[in-house]
Amino acid sequence: MSSAAAVKPQPQPRSAYPVFRTIGTRWMDNDVYGHVNNVVYYSWFDTAVNAWLIEQGALDIHSGEVIGLVIETQCNYFAPLAFPQAVHAGLRVAHIGRSSVRYEVGLFAADGELCAAAGHFIHVYVDRATRRPVPLPEKLKLTLETALCP
């Protein structure tokens, strides 16, 4: 195992994310241990990314010719989140490829300066009909560039 692989992930500050969305927790999000279950975090990633793209006019989920398919997702957990509390999802774009995008998401308690969880989410953009990768549409690329990590 290389030393780079052994680096323990650390929570990121709010300042690491240029785009934010507030997501309310729901009663059903909590598990028997009294905190939000791990699978819910992935739905928050999906919500943060797609809602932002839709709001920016970069993604038409109903009739657009191009759709994003998730090919990879990952999450590190640093502190619990629980109902009832608001979660702030910070979003940044880490990489823009020809047909793919790597998004990074930090999930914060409403009053937290460091994220309670952080992960990534990779979309490959494909033709809606053929499901084959296609180059990113120009409007999508321009939107992604506004949240690109330095």
N, C-alpha and C. Protein backbone atom coordinates (compact mmCIF):
# COMPACT_ATOMS: atom_id res chain seq x y z
N MET A 1 0.85 -1.18 0.00
CA MET A 1 0.00 0.00 0.00
C MET A 1 0.89 1.24 0.00
N SER A 2 0.64 2.15 -0.91
CA SER A 2 1.44 3.36 -0.99
C SER A 2 1.05 4.31 0.13
N SER A 3 1.95 5.24 0.43
CA SER A 3 1.65 6.20 1.49
C SER A 3 0.50 7.11 1.09
N ALA A 4 0.35 7.39 -0.23
CA ALA A 4 -0.76 8.22 -0.68
C ALA A 4 -2.10 7.53 -0.40
N ALA A 5 -2.16 6.22 -0.54
CA ALA A 5 -3.39 5.48 -0.30
C ALA A 5 -3.74 5.45 1.19
N ALA A 6 -2.75 5.66 2.06
CA ALA A 6 -2.97 5.57 3.50
C ALA A 6 -3.43 6.90 4.11
N VAL A 7 -3.50 7.96 3.34
CA VAL A 7 -3.91 9.26 3.86
C VAL A 7 -5.38 9.20 4.25
N LYS A 8 -5.63 9.53 5.49
CA LYS A 8 -7.01 9.49 6.01
C LYS A 8 -7.76 10.74 5.54
N PRO A 9 -8.94 10.57 4.93
CA PRO A 9 -9.73 11.73 4.51
C PRO A 9 -10.07 12.63 5.70
N GLN A 10 -10.09 13.91 5.45
CA GLN A 10 -10.39 14.90 6.50
C GLN A 10 -11.59 15.74 6.08
N PRO A 11 -12.39 16.20 7.06
CA PRO A 11 -13.52 17.06 6.72
C PRO A 11 -13.04 18.38 6.14
N GLN A 12 -13.79 18.89 5.17
CA GLN A 12 -13.46 20.13 4.47
C GLN A 12 -14.29 21.29 5.04
N PRO A 13 -13.76 22.51 4.95
CA PRO A 13 -14.54 23.68 5.40
C PRO A 13 -15.54 24.11 4.33
N ARG A 14 -16.51 24.91 4.74
CA ARG A 14 -17.50 25.46 3.81
C ARG A 14 -16.84 26.20 2.65
N SER A 15 -15.74 26.87 2.93
CA SER A 15 -15.07 27.68 1.91
C SER A 15 -14.56 26.84 0.73
N ALA A 16 -14.52 25.53 0.87
CA ALA A 16 -14.05 24.64 -0.20
C ALA A 16 -15.11 24.40 -1.27
N TYR A 17 -16.33 24.88 -1.05
CA TYR A 17 -17.45 24.61 -1.96
C TYR A 17 -18.09 25.92 -2.41
N PRO A 18 -18.17 26.14 -3.72
CA PRO A 18 -18.74 27.41 -4.22
C PRO A 18 -20.27 27.44 -4.33
N VAL A 19 -20.93 26.29 -4.33
CA VAL A 19 -22.37 26.22 -4.52
C VAL A 19 -22.99 25.48 -3.33
N PHE A 20 -24.12 26.01 -2.82
CA PHE A 20 -24.79 25.36 -1.68
C PHE A 20 -26.28 25.21 -1.93
N ARG A 21 -26.84 24.16 -1.34
CA ARG A 21 -28.27 23.87 -1.38
C ARG A 21 -28.64 23.36 0.02
N THR A 22 -29.76 23.84 0.55
CA THR A 22 -30.26 23.35 1.84
C THR A 22 -31.22 22.20 1.59
N ILE A 23 -31.02 21.13 2.35
CA ILE A 23 -31.86 19.94 2.26
C ILE A 23 -32.37 19.63 3.67
N GLY A 24 -33.67 19.49 3.80
CA GLY A 24 -34.24 19.16 5.11
C GLY A 24 -34.20 17.66 5.35
N THR A 25 -33.84 17.27 6.56
CA THR A 25 -33.93 15.85 6.90
C THR A 25 -35.39 15.49 7.12
N ARG A 26 -35.70 14.22 7.00
CA ARG A 26 -37.05 13.71 7.20
C ARG A 26 -37.02 12.69 8.33
N TRP A 27 -38.13 12.49 8.97
CA TRP A 27 -38.25 11.51 10.06
C TRP A 27 -37.72 10.15 9.60
N MET A 28 -38.08 9.75 8.38
CA MET A 28 -37.69 8.43 7.89
C MET A 28 -36.19 8.31 7.58
N ASP A 29 -35.46 9.42 7.56
CA ASP A 29 -34.02 9.37 7.28
C ASP A 29 -33.23 8.76 8.44
N ASN A 30 -33.73 8.93 9.66
CA ASN A 30 -33.03 8.39 10.83
C ASN A 30 -33.14 6.87 10.85
N ASP A 31 -32.10 6.23 11.32
CA ASP A 31 -32.16 4.78 11.49
C ASP A 31 -32.30 4.46 12.97
N VAL A 32 -32.27 3.20 13.31
CA VAL A 32 -32.48 2.76 14.69
C VAL A 32 -31.40 3.30 15.64
N TYR A 33 -30.26 3.72 15.10
CA TYR A 33 -29.18 4.24 15.93
C TYR A 33 -29.31 5.73 16.21
N GLY A 34 -30.37 6.37 15.68
CA GLY A 34 -30.66 7.76 16.00
C GLY A 34 -29.98 8.78 15.12
N HIS A 35 -29.42 8.36 14.01
CA HIS A 35 -28.82 9.31 13.06
C HIS A 35 -29.25 8.94 11.64
N VAL A 36 -28.96 9.84 10.70
CA VAL A 36 -29.33 9.58 9.31
C VAL A 36 -28.57 8.36 8.81
N ASN A 37 -29.29 7.45 8.18
CA ASN A 37 -28.68 6.24 7.65
C ASN A 37 -27.77 6.57 6.47
N ASN A 38 -26.71 5.81 6.32
CA ASN A 38 -25.70 6.10 5.30
C ASN A 38 -26.24 6.17 3.88
N VAL A 39 -27.25 5.39 3.55
CA VAL A 39 -27.76 5.40 2.16
C VAL A 39 -28.41 6.73 1.80
N VAL A 40 -28.90 7.47 2.77
CA VAL A 40 -29.56 8.75 2.51
C VAL A 40 -28.55 9.78 1.98
N TYR A 41 -27.31 9.69 2.42
CA TYR A 41 -26.29 10.64 1.99
C TYR A 41 -26.14 10.62 0.47
N TYR A 42 -26.24 9.44 -0.13
CA TYR A 42 -26.11 9.33 -1.58
C TYR A 42 -27.28 9.99 -2.30
N SER A 43 -28.47 9.92 -1.73
CA SER A 43 -29.60 10.62 -2.35
C SER A 43 -29.42 12.13 -2.24
N TRP A 44 -28.79 12.59 -1.17
CA TRP A 44 -28.50 14.02 -1.04
C TRP A 44 -27.48 14.46 -2.09
N PHE A 45 -26.48 13.64 -2.36
CA PHE A 45 -25.51 13.96 -3.42
C PHE A 45 -26.26 14.15 -4.74
N ASP A 46 -27.11 13.18 -5.07
CA ASP A 46 -27.88 13.19 -6.31
C ASP A 46 -28.77 14.43 -6.38
N THR A 47 -29.44 14.75 -5.28
CA THR A 47 -30.31 15.92 -5.21
C THR A 47 -29.52 17.20 -5.41
N ALA A 48 -28.41 17.34 -4.73
CA ALA A 48 -27.61 18.57 -4.82
C ALA A 48 -27.12 18.80 -6.25
N VAL A 49 -26.58 17.78 -6.87
CA VAL A 49 -26.04 17.90 -8.22
C VAL A 49 -27.14 18.19 -9.23
N ASN A 50 -28.16 17.34 -9.27
CA ASN A 50 -29.19 17.49 -10.31
C ASN A 50 -30.05 18.72 -10.13
N ALA A 51 -30.40 19.08 -8.91
CA ALA A 51 -31.20 20.29 -8.69
C ALA A 51 -30.43 21.52 -9.18
N TRP A 52 -29.14 21.58 -8.90
CA TRP A 52 -28.33 22.71 -9.34
C TRP A 52 -28.30 22.78 -10.87
N LEU A 53 -28.07 21.64 -11.51
CA LEU A 53 -28.02 21.62 -12.98
C LEU A 53 -29.36 22.04 -13.59
N ILE A 54 -30.45 21.56 -13.02
CA ILE A 54 -31.78 21.91 -13.53
C ILE A 54 -32.04 23.41 -13.35
N GLU A 55 -31.73 23.93 -12.15
CA GLU A 55 -31.94 25.35 -11.87
C GLU A 55 -31.11 26.25 -12.79
N GLN A 56 -29.95 25.79 -13.19
CA GLN A 56 -29.08 26.57 -14.07
C GLN A 56 -29.46 26.45 -15.54
N GLY A 57 -30.46 25.61 -15.84
CA GLY A 57 -30.88 25.40 -17.22
C GLY A 57 -29.91 24.53 -18.00
N ALA A 58 -29.07 23.78 -17.30
CA ALA A 58 -28.04 22.95 -17.94
C ALA A 58 -28.48 21.51 -18.14
N LEU A 59 -29.62 21.13 -17.56
CA LEU A 59 -30.10 19.76 -17.66
C LEU A 59 -31.62 19.77 -17.77
N ASP A 60 -32.13 19.13 -18.80
CA ASP A 60 -33.57 18.98 -19.00
C ASP A 60 -33.90 17.50 -18.79
N ILE A 61 -34.38 17.17 -17.60
CA ILE A 61 -34.59 15.77 -17.25
C ILE A 61 -35.76 15.14 -17.98
N HIS A 62 -36.66 15.96 -18.52
CA HIS A 62 -37.85 15.42 -19.17
C HIS A 62 -37.69 15.20 -20.67
N SER A 63 -37.05 16.15 -21.35
CA SER A 63 -36.98 16.01 -22.81
C SER A 63 -35.61 16.30 -23.39
N GLY A 64 -34.60 16.47 -22.56
CA GLY A 64 -33.26 16.71 -23.08
C GLY A 64 -32.70 15.48 -23.80
N GLU A 65 -31.89 15.72 -24.81
CA GLU A 65 -31.29 14.61 -25.55
C GLU A 65 -30.16 13.94 -24.78
N VAL A 66 -29.59 14.66 -23.82
CA VAL A 66 -28.45 14.15 -23.05
C VAL A 66 -28.87 13.96 -21.59
N ILE A 67 -28.50 12.83 -21.01
CA ILE A 67 -28.77 12.56 -19.59
C ILE A 67 -27.48 12.10 -18.91
N GLY A 68 -27.39 12.29 -17.60
CA GLY A 68 -26.22 11.87 -16.84
C GLY A 68 -26.50 10.56 -16.12
N LEU A 69 -25.60 9.61 -16.30
CA LEU A 69 -25.69 8.33 -15.59
C LEU A 69 -24.57 8.25 -14.57
N VAL A 70 -24.90 7.84 -13.37
CA VAL A 70 -23.89 7.70 -12.32
C VAL A 70 -23.06 6.45 -12.59
N ILE A 71 -21.74 6.62 -12.62
CA ILE A 71 -20.87 5.46 -12.78
C ILE A 71 -20.03 5.20 -11.54
N GLU A 72 -19.98 6.18 -10.63
CA GLU A 72 -19.19 5.98 -9.41
C GLU A 72 -19.66 6.97 -8.35
N THR A 73 -19.71 6.52 -7.12
CA THR A 73 -20.00 7.39 -6.00
C THR A 73 -19.28 6.85 -4.77
N GLN A 74 -18.94 7.75 -3.87
CA GLN A 74 -18.18 7.37 -2.67
C GLN A 74 -18.44 8.42 -1.60
N CYS A 75 -18.37 8.01 -0.34
CA CYS A 75 -18.62 8.94 0.77
C CYS A 75 -17.76 8.57 1.97
N ASN A 76 -17.24 9.61 2.64
CA ASN A 76 -16.57 9.47 3.93
C ASN A 76 -17.42 10.19 4.96
N TYR A 77 -17.59 9.59 6.12
CA TYR A 77 -18.44 10.13 7.18
C TYR A 77 -17.57 10.60 8.32
N PHE A 78 -17.82 11.83 8.80
CA PHE A 78 -17.00 12.41 9.86
C PHE A 78 -17.79 12.68 11.14
N ALA A 79 -19.07 13.03 11.01
CA ALA A 79 -19.91 13.35 12.17
C ALA A 79 -21.35 13.01 11.81
N PRO A 80 -22.16 12.63 12.78
CA PRO A 80 -23.55 12.25 12.47
C PRO A 80 -24.43 13.46 12.14
N LEU A 81 -25.41 13.21 11.31
CA LEU A 81 -26.50 14.15 11.04
C LEU A 81 -27.78 13.42 11.45
N ALA A 82 -28.80 14.18 11.84
CA ALA A 82 -30.03 13.53 12.32
C ALA A 82 -31.24 14.42 12.09
N PHE A 83 -32.41 13.79 12.05
CA PHE A 83 -33.67 14.51 12.02
C PHE A 83 -33.95 15.00 13.43
N PRO A 84 -34.45 16.18 13.63
CA PRO A 84 -34.76 17.22 12.65
C PRO A 84 -33.60 18.22 12.57
N GLN A 85 -33.01 18.33 11.42
CA GLN A 85 -32.03 19.39 11.19
C GLN A 85 -31.91 19.64 9.69
N ALA A 86 -31.49 20.84 9.38
CA ALA A 86 -31.24 21.18 7.98
C ALA A 86 -29.81 20.78 7.64
N VAL A 87 -29.64 20.30 6.44
CA VAL A 87 -28.31 19.92 5.94
C VAL A 87 -27.98 20.87 4.79
N HIS A 88 -26.77 21.40 4.81
CA HIS A 88 -26.31 22.24 3.71
C HIS A 88 -25.36 21.40 2.86
N ALA A 89 -25.74 21.20 1.60
CA ALA A 89 -24.92 20.42 0.67
C ALA A 89 -24.05 21.39 -0.12
N GLY A 90 -22.74 21.32 0.08
CA GLY A 90 -21.80 22.11 -0.70
C GLY A 90 -21.39 21.32 -1.92
N LEU A 91 -21.26 21.99 -3.05
CA LEU A 91 -20.97 21.32 -4.31
C LEU A 91 -19.83 22.01 -5.02
N ARG A 92 -18.94 21.21 -5.60
CA ARG A 92 -17.89 21.72 -6.47
C ARG A 92 -17.64 20.72 -7.58
N VAL A 93 -17.10 21.19 -8.67
CA VAL A 93 -16.76 20.34 -9.81
C VAL A 93 -15.25 20.12 -9.77
N ALA A 94 -14.83 18.87 -9.66
CA ALA A 94 -13.41 18.56 -9.55
C ALA A 94 -12.76 18.27 -10.90
N HIS A 95 -13.56 17.76 -11.85
CA HIS A 95 -12.99 17.42 -13.16
C HIS A 95 -14.08 17.44 -14.21
N ILE A 96 -13.76 18.03 -15.34
CA ILE A 96 -14.65 18.02 -16.50
C ILE A 96 -13.92 17.29 -17.62
N GLY A 97 -14.48 16.18 -18.06
CA GLY A 97 -13.91 15.42 -19.17
C GLY A 97 -14.68 15.66 -20.44
N ARG A 98 -14.46 14.84 -21.44
CA ARG A 98 -15.17 14.98 -22.71
C ARG A 98 -16.65 14.67 -22.54
N SER A 99 -16.95 13.58 -21.81
CA SER A 99 -18.34 13.18 -21.59
C SER A 99 -18.65 12.91 -20.11
N SER A 100 -17.70 13.18 -19.24
CA SER A 100 -17.91 12.88 -17.82
C SER A 100 -17.57 14.07 -16.94
N VAL A 101 -18.12 14.03 -15.73
CA VAL A 101 -17.90 15.08 -14.74
C VAL A 101 -17.76 14.43 -13.37
N ARG A 102 -16.77 14.89 -12.62
CA ARG A 102 -16.62 14.46 -11.22
C ARG A 102 -17.06 15.62 -10.34
N TYR A 103 -18.15 15.38 -9.61
CA TYR A 103 -18.66 16.34 -8.64
C TYR A 103 -18.16 15.93 -7.26
N GLU A 104 -17.89 16.90 -6.42
CA GLU A 104 -17.56 16.62 -5.02
C GLU A 104 -18.57 17.36 -4.16
N VAL A 105 -19.07 16.64 -3.15
CA VAL A 105 -20.14 17.18 -2.31
C VAL A 105 -19.73 17.07 -0.85
N GLY A 106 -19.92 18.16 -0.11
CA GLY A 106 -19.72 18.16 1.33
C GLY A 106 -21.07 18.39 1.99
N LEU A 107 -21.40 17.61 2.98
CA LEU A 107 -22.67 17.75 3.70
C LEU A 107 -22.39 18.32 5.08
N PHE A 108 -23.05 19.44 5.38
CA PHE A 108 -22.80 20.19 6.61
C PHE A 108 -24.05 20.26 7.46
N ALA A 109 -23.88 20.14 8.78
CA ALA A 109 -24.95 20.53 9.69
C ALA A 109 -25.14 22.03 9.47
N ALA A 110 -26.35 22.53 9.67
CA ALA A 110 -26.65 23.93 9.38
C ALA A 110 -25.66 24.90 10.03
N ASP A 111 -25.17 24.58 11.21
CA ASP A 111 -24.25 25.47 11.91
C ASP A 111 -22.80 24.98 11.87
N GLY A 112 -22.53 23.95 11.07
CA GLY A 112 -21.19 23.37 11.05
C GLY A 112 -20.25 24.08 10.07
N GLU A 113 -19.02 24.30 10.50
CA GLU A 113 -18.02 24.90 9.63
C GLU A 113 -17.28 23.82 8.83
N LEU A 114 -17.16 22.63 9.40
CA LEU A 114 -16.55 21.50 8.69
C LEU A 114 -17.63 20.52 8.29
N CYS A 115 -17.44 19.86 7.17
CA CYS A 115 -18.48 18.94 6.69
C CYS A 115 -18.59 17.71 7.59
N ALA A 116 -19.81 17.23 7.71
CA ALA A 116 -20.09 16.00 8.47
C ALA A 116 -19.83 14.78 7.60
N ALA A 117 -19.88 14.97 6.29
CA ALA A 117 -19.58 13.90 5.33
C ALA A 117 -19.12 14.56 4.03
N ALA A 118 -18.30 13.85 3.29
CA ALA A 118 -17.83 14.36 1.99
C ALA A 118 -17.65 13.18 1.05
N GLY A 119 -17.95 13.42 -0.20
CA GLY A 119 -17.78 12.35 -1.16
C GLY A 119 -17.75 12.88 -2.57
N HIS A 120 -17.77 11.94 -3.50
CA HIS A 120 -17.82 12.34 -4.90
C HIS A 120 -18.84 11.51 -5.65
N PHE A 121 -19.10 11.98 -6.86
CA PHE A 121 -20.19 11.47 -7.66
C PHE A 121 -19.76 11.71 -9.10
N ILE A 122 -19.67 10.68 -9.92
CA ILE A 122 -19.26 10.86 -11.32
C ILE A 122 -20.42 10.52 -12.24
N HIS A 123 -20.72 11.47 -13.10
CA HIS A 123 -21.72 11.29 -14.16
C HIS A 123 -20.99 11.09 -15.48
N VAL A 124 -21.47 10.17 -16.29
CA VAL A 124 -21.12 10.11 -17.69
C VAL A 124 -22.37 10.54 -18.43
N TYR A 125 -22.21 11.51 -19.31
CA TYR A 125 -23.35 12.03 -20.06
C TYR A 125 -23.48 11.24 -21.35
N VAL A 126 -24.72 10.77 -21.57
CA VAL A 126 -25.01 9.87 -22.69
C VAL A 126 -26.22 10.37 -23.47
N ASP A 127 -26.34 9.90 -24.70
CA ASP A 127 -27.51 10.14 -25.51
C ASP A 127 -28.70 9.42 -24.85
N ARG A 128 -29.80 10.11 -24.67
CA ARG A 128 -30.97 9.53 -24.00
C ARG A 128 -31.43 8.25 -24.69
N ALA A 129 -31.43 8.22 -26.02
CA ALA A 129 -31.96 7.07 -26.76
C ALA A 129 -30.97 5.91 -26.83
N THR A 130 -29.70 6.19 -27.15
CA THR A 130 -28.73 5.12 -27.37
C THR A 130 -27.98 4.70 -26.12
N ARG A 131 -27.97 5.58 -25.10
CA ARG A 131 -27.21 5.36 -23.87
C ARG A 131 -25.70 5.27 -24.12
N ARG A 132 -25.24 5.87 -25.20
CA ARG A 132 -23.81 5.93 -25.54
C ARG A 132 -23.27 7.29 -25.13
N PRO A 133 -22.02 7.36 -24.61
CA PRO A 133 -21.43 8.64 -24.21
C PRO A 133 -21.40 9.64 -25.35
N VAL A 134 -21.64 10.90 -24.99
CA VAL A 134 -21.61 12.01 -25.94
C VAL A 134 -20.81 13.16 -25.32
N PRO A 135 -20.26 14.04 -26.15
CA PRO A 135 -19.58 15.22 -25.59
C PRO A 135 -20.56 16.06 -24.76
N LEU A 136 -20.04 16.69 -23.73
CA LEU A 136 -20.88 17.54 -22.88
C LEU A 136 -21.44 18.69 -23.71
N PRO A 137 -22.74 18.96 -23.59
CA PRO A 137 -23.32 20.12 -24.28
C PRO A 137 -22.69 21.42 -23.76
N GLU A 138 -22.62 22.42 -24.62
CA GLU A 138 -21.95 23.68 -24.28
C GLU A 138 -22.54 24.35 -23.04
N LYS A 139 -23.88 24.41 -22.93
CA LYS A 139 -24.51 25.03 -21.76
C LYS A 139 -24.12 24.30 -20.48
N LEU A 140 -24.05 22.97 -20.53
CA LEU A 140 -23.63 22.19 -19.37
C LEU A 140 -22.18 22.51 -19.01
N LYS A 141 -21.29 22.53 -19.99
CA LYS A 141 -19.88 22.84 -19.73
C LYS A 141 -19.71 24.22 -19.10
N LEU A 142 -20.42 25.20 -19.62
CA LEU A 142 -20.32 26.56 -19.08
C LEU A 142 -20.80 26.61 -17.64
N THR A 143 -21.87 25.90 -17.33
CA THR A 143 -22.38 25.84 -15.96
C THR A 143 -21.38 25.15 -15.04
N LEU A 144 -20.84 24.04 -15.48
CA LEU A 144 -19.87 23.29 -14.67
C LEU A 144 -18.65 24.13 -14.34
N GLU A 145 -18.20 24.92 -15.29
CA GLU A 145 -17.01 25.75 -15.09
C GLU A 145 -17.19 26.77 -13.97
N THR A 146 -18.44 27.16 -13.68
CA THR A 146 -18.68 28.13 -12.60
C THR A 146 -18.43 27.54 -11.22
N ALA A 147 -18.40 26.20 -11.12
CA ALA A 147 -18.19 25.55 -9.83
C ALA A 147 -16.91 24.73 -9.81
N LEU A 148 -16.04 24.95 -10.79
CA LEU A 148 -14.80 24.20 -10.90
C LEU A 148 -13.85 24.51 -9.76
N CYS A 149 -13.23 23.48 -9.18
CA CYS A 149 -12.25 23.65 -8.12
C CYS A 149 -11.01 24.34 -8.69
N PRO A 150 -10.37 25.18 -7.89
CA PRO A 150 -9.12 25.81 -8.38
C PRO A 150 -8.01 24.78 -8.53
